[in-house]
């Protein structure tokens, strides 16, 4: 969820040029990376179809934001 919120906030910050919205995007991006690191650690020991899809989705969303 944090990866989606981050992408959305970055898009809104780009459209409005609002610094506060960009800070909110950074907050969500940090939370997304924290969750992704946790999921990757868990997926190594207990891989499932459910967490694999979430990990790939978060990775793709965060990758789109990597050019920032």
PDB file of N, CA and C in Angstrom:
ATOM      1  N   UNK A   1       0.821  -1.183   0.000  1.00  0.00           N
ATOM      2  CA  UNK A   1       0.000   0.000   0.000  1.00  0.00           C
ATOM      3  C   UNK A   1       0.874   1.259   0.000  1.00  0.00           C
ATOM      4  N   UNK A   2       1.966   1.226   0.745  1.00  0.00           N
ATOM      5  CA  UNK A   2       2.841   2.400   0.812  1.00  0.00           C
ATOM      6  C   UNK A   2       3.458   2.721  -0.546  1.00  0.00           C
ATOM      7  N   UNK A   3       3.761   1.696  -1.339  1.00  0.00           N
ATOM      8  CA  UNK A   3       4.324   1.937  -2.672  1.00  0.00           C
ATOM      9  C   UNK A   3       3.313   2.656  -3.565  1.00  0.00           C
ATOM     10  N   UNK A   4       2.053   2.271  -3.468  1.00  0.00           N
ATOM     11  CA  UNK A   4       1.000   2.928  -4.248  1.00  0.00           C
ATOM     12  C   UNK A   4       0.811   4.368  -3.782  1.00  0.00           C
ATOM     13  N   UNK A   5       0.772   4.549  -2.459  1.00  0.00           N
ATOM     14  CA  UNK A   5       0.620   5.906  -1.917  1.00  0.00           C
ATOM     15  C   UNK A   5       1.793   6.796  -2.304  1.00  0.00           C
ATOM     16  N   UNK A   6       2.975   6.238  -2.289  1.00  0.00           N
ATOM     17  CA  UNK A   6       4.161   7.004  -2.668  1.00  0.00           C
ATOM     18  C   UNK A   6       4.099   7.439  -4.124  1.00  0.00           C
ATOM     19  N   UNK A   7       3.780   6.514  -5.001  1.00  0.00           N
ATOM     20  CA  UNK A   7       3.682   6.840  -6.423  1.00  0.00           C
ATOM     21  C   UNK A   7       2.620   7.916  -6.656  1.00  0.00           C
ATOM     22  N   UNK A   8       1.486   7.764  -6.001  1.00  0.00           N
ATOM     23  CA  UNK A   8       0.404   8.742  -6.149  1.00  0.00           C
ATOM     24  C   UNK A   8       0.815  10.119  -5.627  1.00  0.00           C
ATOM     25  N   UNK A   9       1.467  10.145  -4.476  1.00  0.00           N
ATOM     26  CA  UNK A   9       1.898  11.428  -3.902  1.00  0.00           C
ATOM     27  C   UNK A   9       2.966  12.085  -4.763  1.00  0.00           C
ATOM     28  N   UNK A  10       3.896  11.288  -5.314  1.00  0.00           N
ATOM     29  CA  UNK A  10       4.899  11.861  -6.214  1.00  0.00           C
ATOM     30  C   UNK A  10       4.247  12.475  -7.444  1.00  0.00           C
ATOM     31  N   UNK A  11       3.250  11.792  -7.976  1.00  0.00           N
ATOM     32  CA  UNK A  11       2.556  12.313  -9.154  1.00  0.00           C
ATOM     33  C   UNK A  11       1.848  13.627  -8.807  1.00  0.00           C
ATOM     34  N   UNK A  12       1.158  13.649  -7.673  1.00  0.00           N
ATOM     35  CA  UNK A  12       0.471  14.863  -7.242  1.00  0.00           C
ATOM     36  C   UNK A  12       1.465  15.996  -6.977  1.00  0.00           C
ATOM     37  N   UNK A  13       2.596  15.669  -6.361  1.00  0.00           N
ATOM     38  CA  UNK A  13       3.621  16.685  -6.106  1.00  0.00           C
ATOM     39  C   UNK A  13       4.188  17.234  -7.410  1.00  0.00           C
ATOM     40  N   UNK A  14       4.337  16.369  -8.402  1.00  0.00           N
ATOM     41  CA  UNK A  14       4.826  16.811  -9.705  1.00  0.00           C
ATOM     42  C   UNK A  14       3.833  17.772 -10.357  1.00  0.00           C
ATOM     43  N   UNK A  15       2.559  17.433 -10.267  1.00  0.00           N
ATOM     44  CA  UNK A  15       1.536  18.272 -10.897  1.00  0.00           C
ATOM     45  C   UNK A  15       1.365  19.609 -10.191  1.00  0.00           C
ATOM     46  N   UNK A  16       1.455  19.607  -8.867  1.00  0.00           N
ATOM     47  CA  UNK A  16       1.193  20.826  -8.102  1.00  0.00           C
ATOM     48  C   UNK A  16       2.449  21.581  -7.687  1.00  0.00           C
ATOM     49  N   UNK A  17       3.627  20.925  -7.793  1.00  0.00           N
ATOM     50  CA  UNK A  17       4.909  21.505  -7.351  1.00  0.00           C
ATOM     51  C   UNK A  17       4.867  21.864  -5.870  1.00  0.00           C
ATOM     52  N   UNK A  18       4.132  21.050  -5.090  1.00  0.00           N
ATOM     53  CA  UNK A  18       3.972  21.296  -3.665  1.00  0.00           C
ATOM     54  C   UNK A  18       5.034  20.530  -2.871  1.00  0.00           C
ATOM     55  N   UNK A  19       5.831  21.251  -2.087  1.00  0.00           N
ATOM     56  CA  UNK A  19       6.920  20.643  -1.322  1.00  0.00           C
ATOM     57  C   UNK A  19       6.398  19.732  -0.214  1.00  0.00           C
ATOM     58  N   UNK A  20       5.285  20.096   0.394  1.00  0.00           N
ATOM     59  CA  UNK A  20       4.730  19.264   1.472  1.00  0.00           C
ATOM     60  C   UNK A  20       4.253  17.916   0.931  1.00  0.00           C
ATOM     61  N   UNK A  21       3.668  17.922  -0.240  1.00  0.00           N
ATOM     62  CA  UNK A  21       3.225  16.672  -0.865  1.00  0.00           C
ATOM     63  C   UNK A  21       4.424  15.812  -1.238  1.00  0.00           C
ATOM     64  N   UNK A  22       5.504  16.439  -1.657  1.00  0.00           N
ATOM     65  CA  UNK A  22       6.714  15.681  -1.977  1.00  0.00           C
ATOM     66  C   UNK A  22       7.279  15.040  -0.712  1.00  0.00           C
ATOM     67  N   UNK A  23       7.238  15.740   0.414  1.00  0.00           N
ATOM     68  CA  UNK A  23       7.687  15.167   1.684  1.00  0.00           C
ATOM     69  C   UNK A  23       6.832  13.962   2.070  1.00  0.00           C
ATOM     70  N   UNK A  24       5.532  14.073   1.836  1.00  0.00           N
ATOM     71  CA  UNK A  24       4.629  12.963   2.121  1.00  0.00           C
ATOM     72  C   UNK A  24       4.973  11.762   1.228  1.00  0.00           C
ATOM     73  N   UNK A  25       5.306  12.029  -0.012  1.00  0.00           N
ATOM     74  CA  UNK A  25       5.708  10.965  -0.929  1.00  0.00           C
ATOM     75  C   UNK A  25       6.975  10.279  -0.434  1.00  0.00           C
ATOM     76  N   UNK A  26       7.922  11.057   0.048  1.00  0.00           N
ATOM     77  CA  UNK A  26       9.157  10.482   0.588  1.00  0.00           C
ATOM     78  C   UNK A  26       8.883   9.616   1.811  1.00  0.00           C
ATOM     79  N   UNK A  27       7.958  10.062   2.645  1.00  0.00           N
ATOM     80  CA  UNK A  27       7.585   9.287   3.826  1.00  0.00           C
ATOM     81  C   UNK A  27       7.019   7.924   3.415  1.00  0.00           C
ATOM     82  N   UNK A  28       6.108   7.926   2.463  1.00  0.00           N
ATOM     83  CA  UNK A  28       5.506   6.676   2.001  1.00  0.00           C
ATOM     84  C   UNK A  28       6.528   5.795   1.282  1.00  0.00           C
ATOM     85  N   UNK A  29       7.443   6.412   0.575  1.00  0.00           N
ATOM     86  CA  UNK A  29       8.486   5.645  -0.118  1.00  0.00           C
ATOM     87  C   UNK A  29       9.384   4.940   0.895  1.00  0.00           C
ATOM     88  N   UNK A  30       9.756   5.627   1.960  1.00  0.00           N
ATOM     89  CA  UNK A  30      10.576   5.010   3.009  1.00  0.00           C
ATOM     90  C   UNK A  30       9.823   3.850   3.663  1.00  0.00           C
ATOM     91  N   UNK A  31       8.544   4.035   3.914  1.00  0.00           N
ATOM     92  CA  UNK A  31       7.737   2.964   4.509  1.00  0.00           C
ATOM     93  C   UNK A  31       7.634   1.775   3.547  1.00  0.00           C
ATOM     94  N   UNK A  32       7.537   2.056   2.266  1.00  0.00           N
ATOM     95  CA  UNK A  32       7.458   0.982   1.271  1.00  0.00           C
ATOM     96  C   UNK A  32       8.757   0.188   1.220  1.00  0.00           C
ATOM     97  N   UNK A  33       9.885   0.880   1.263  1.00  0.00           N
ATOM     98  CA  UNK A  33      11.175   0.185   1.263  1.00  0.00           C
ATOM     99  C   UNK A  33      11.346  -0.657   2.535  1.00  0.00           C
ATOM    100  N   UNK A  34      10.909  -0.134   3.657  1.00  0.00           N
ATOM    101  CA  UNK A  34      11.003  -0.888   4.905  1.00  0.00           C
ATOM    102  C   UNK A  34      10.166  -2.161   4.816  1.00  0.00           C
ATOM    103  N   UNK A  35       8.950  -2.031   4.305  1.00  0.00           N
ATOM    104  CA  UNK A  35       8.092  -3.197   4.143  1.00  0.00           C
ATOM    105  C   UNK A  35       8.646  -4.192   3.137  1.00  0.00           C
ATOM    106  N   UNK A  36       9.248  -3.683   2.070  1.00  0.00           N
ATOM    107  CA  UNK A  36       9.829  -4.557   1.049  1.00  0.00           C
ATOM    108  C   UNK A  36      11.017  -5.332   1.623  1.00  0.00           C
ATOM    109  N   UNK A  37      11.864  -4.653   2.394  1.00  0.00           N
ATOM    110  CA  UNK A  37      12.994  -5.345   3.033  1.00  0.00           C
ATOM    111  C   UNK A  37      12.500  -6.450   3.961  1.00  0.00           C
ATOM    112  N   UNK A  38      11.471  -6.169   4.735  1.00  0.00           N
ATOM    113  CA  UNK A  38      10.894  -7.169   5.635  1.00  0.00           C
ATOM    114  C   UNK A  38      10.321  -8.342   4.845  1.00  0.00           C
ATOM    115  N   UNK A  39       9.594  -8.031   3.792  1.00  0.00           N
ATOM    116  CA  UNK A  39       8.991  -9.085   2.968  1.00  0.00           C
ATOM    117  C   UNK A  39      10.044  -9.939   2.290  1.00  0.00           C
ATOM    118  N   UNK A  40      11.113  -9.321   1.833  1.00  0.00           N
ATOM    119  CA  UNK A  40      12.179 -10.095   1.195  1.00  0.00           C
ATOM    120  C   UNK A  40      12.845 -11.037   2.194  1.00  0.00           C
ATOM    121  N   UNK A  41      13.049 -10.585   3.397  1.00  0.00           N
ATOM    122  CA  UNK A  41      13.628 -11.445   4.432  1.00  0.00           C
ATOM    123  C   UNK A  41      12.723 -12.618   4.753  1.00  0.00           C
ATOM    124  N   UNK A  42      11.435 -12.374   4.798  1.00  0.00           N
ATOM    125  CA  UNK A  42      10.463 -13.418   5.086  1.00  0.00           C
ATOM    126  C   UNK A  42      10.300 -14.353   3.891  1.00  0.00           C
ATOM    127  N   UNK A  43      10.342 -13.822   2.695  1.00  0.00           N
ATOM    128  CA  UNK A  43      10.130 -14.625   1.491  1.00  0.00           C
ATOM    129  C   UNK A  43      11.253 -15.635   1.280  1.00  0.00           C
ATOM    130  N   UNK A  44      12.434 -15.331   1.780  1.00  0.00           N
ATOM    131  CA  UNK A  44      13.550 -16.264   1.623  1.00  0.00           C
ATOM    132  C   UNK A  44      13.276 -17.552   2.399  1.00  0.00           C
ATOM    133  N   UNK A  45      12.650 -17.416   3.568  1.00  0.00           N
ATOM    134  CA  UNK A  45      12.388 -18.596   4.381  1.00  0.00           C
ATOM    135  C   UNK A  45      11.035 -19.232   4.091  1.00  0.00           C
ATOM    136  N   UNK A  46      10.034 -18.434   3.748  1.00  0.00           N
ATOM    137  CA  UNK A  46       8.686 -18.951   3.518  1.00  0.00           C
ATOM    138  C   UNK A  46       8.089 -18.323   2.251  1.00  0.00           C
ATOM    139  N   UNK A  47       8.564 -18.726   1.067  1.00  0.00           N
ATOM    140  CA  UNK A  47       7.997 -18.141  -0.151  1.00  0.00           C
ATOM    141  C   UNK A  47       6.596 -18.691  -0.441  1.00  0.00           C
ATOM    142  N   UNK A  48       5.697 -17.789  -0.774  1.00  0.00           N
ATOM    143  CA  UNK A  48       4.347 -18.192  -1.176  1.00  0.00           C
ATOM    144  C   UNK A  48       3.949 -17.378  -2.393  1.00  0.00           C
ATOM    145  N   UNK A  49       2.904 -17.831  -3.051  1.00  0.00           N
ATOM    146  CA  UNK A  49       2.413 -17.089  -4.215  1.00  0.00           C
ATOM    147  C   UNK A  49       1.934 -15.691  -3.803  1.00  0.00           C
ATOM    148  N   UNK A  50       1.295 -15.596  -2.650  1.00  0.00           N
ATOM    149  CA  UNK A  50       0.761 -14.308  -2.203  1.00  0.00           C
ATOM    150  C   UNK A  50       1.851 -13.281  -1.939  1.00  0.00           C
ATOM    151  N   UNK A  51       2.890 -13.658  -1.192  1.00  0.00           N
ATOM    152  CA  UNK A  51       3.908 -12.654  -0.906  1.00  0.00           C
ATOM    153  C   UNK A  51       4.808 -12.397  -2.114  1.00  0.00           C
ATOM    154  N   UNK A  52       4.927 -13.349  -3.013  1.00  0.00           N
ATOM    155  CA  UNK A  52       5.724 -13.123  -4.225  1.00  0.00           C
ATOM    156  C   UNK A  52       5.081 -12.055  -5.106  1.00  0.00           C
ATOM    157  N   UNK A  53       3.769 -12.118  -5.261  1.00  0.00           N
ATOM    158  CA  UNK A  53       3.071 -11.113  -6.068  1.00  0.00           C
ATOM    159  C   UNK A  53       3.184  -9.723  -5.445  1.00  0.00           C
ATOM    160  N   UNK A  54       3.062  -9.637  -4.133  1.00  0.00           N
ATOM    161  CA  UNK A  54       3.173  -8.348  -3.442  1.00  0.00           C
ATOM    162  C   UNK A  54       4.585  -7.789  -3.552  1.00  0.00           C
ATOM    163  N   UNK A  55       5.581  -8.655  -3.439  1.00  0.00           N
ATOM    164  CA  UNK A  55       6.974  -8.213  -3.534  1.00  0.00           C
ATOM    165  C   UNK A  55       7.274  -7.675  -4.928  1.00  0.00           C
ATOM    166  N   UNK A  56       6.834  -8.384  -5.951  1.00  0.00           N
ATOM    167  CA  UNK A  56       7.077  -7.934  -7.332  1.00  0.00           C
ATOM    168  C   UNK A  56       6.338  -6.629  -7.592  1.00  0.00           C
ATOM    169  N   UNK A  57       5.113  -6.522  -7.134  1.00  0.00           N
ATOM    170  CA  UNK A  57       4.336  -5.293  -7.346  1.00  0.00           C
ATOM    171  C   UNK A  57       4.991  -4.092  -6.677  1.00  0.00           C
ATOM    172  N   UNK A  58       5.408  -4.255  -5.427  1.00  0.00           N
ATOM    173  CA  UNK A  58       6.071  -3.155  -4.725  1.00  0.00           C
ATOM    174  C   UNK A  58       7.373  -2.788  -5.421  1.00  0.00           C
ATOM    175  N   UNK A  59       8.110  -3.777  -5.864  1.00  0.00           N
ATOM    176  CA  UNK A  59       9.379  -3.526  -6.554  1.00  0.00           C
ATOM    177  C   UNK A  59       9.156  -2.717  -7.836  1.00  0.00           C
ATOM    178  N   UNK A  60       8.154  -3.090  -8.608  1.00  0.00           N
ATOM    179  CA  UNK A  60       7.864  -2.375  -9.857  1.00  0.00           C
ATOM    180  C   UNK A  60       7.466  -0.928  -9.565  1.00  0.00           C
ATOM    181  N   UNK A  61       6.578  -0.724  -8.605  1.00  0.00           N
ATOM    182  CA  UNK A  61       6.144   0.637  -8.274  1.00  0.00           C
ATOM    183  C   UNK A  61       7.310   1.493  -7.778  1.00  0.00           C
ATOM    184  N   UNK A  62       8.159   0.919  -6.945  1.00  0.00           N
ATOM    185  CA  UNK A  62       9.310   1.681  -6.438  1.00  0.00           C
ATOM    186  C   UNK A  62      10.349   1.924  -7.532  1.00  0.00           C
ATOM    187  N   UNK A  63      10.461   1.008  -8.468  1.00  0.00           N
ATOM    188  CA  UNK A  63      11.403   1.183  -9.582  1.00  0.00           C
ATOM    189  C   UNK A  63      10.992   2.356 -10.470  1.00  0.00           C
ATOM    190  N   UNK A  64       9.697   2.521 -10.679  1.00  0.00           N
ATOM    191  CA  UNK A  64       9.215   3.652 -11.482  1.00  0.00           C
ATOM    192  C   UNK A  64       9.583   4.979 -10.849  1.00  0.00           C
ATOM    193  N   UNK A  65       9.752   4.987  -9.531  1.00  0.00           N
ATOM    194  CA  UNK A  65      10.067   6.210  -8.822  1.00  0.00           C
ATOM    195  C   UNK A  65      11.566   6.423  -8.685  1.00  0.00           C
ATOM    196  N   UNK A  66      12.369   5.494  -9.157  1.00  0.00           N
ATOM    197  CA  UNK A  66      13.820   5.542  -8.958  1.00  0.00           C
ATOM    198  C   UNK A  66      14.487   6.690  -9.696  1.00  0.00           C
ATOM    199  N   UNK A  67      13.840   7.246 -10.685  1.00  0.00           N
ATOM    200  CA  UNK A  67      14.443   8.329 -11.462  1.00  0.00           C
ATOM    201  C   UNK A  67      14.349   9.669 -10.747  1.00  0.00           C
ATOM    202  N   UNK A  68      13.618   9.719  -9.653  1.00  0.00           N
ATOM    203  CA  UNK A  68      13.427  10.961  -8.896  1.00  0.00           C
ATOM    204  C   UNK A  68      14.746  11.483  -8.384  1.00  0.00           C
TER     205      UNK A  68
END
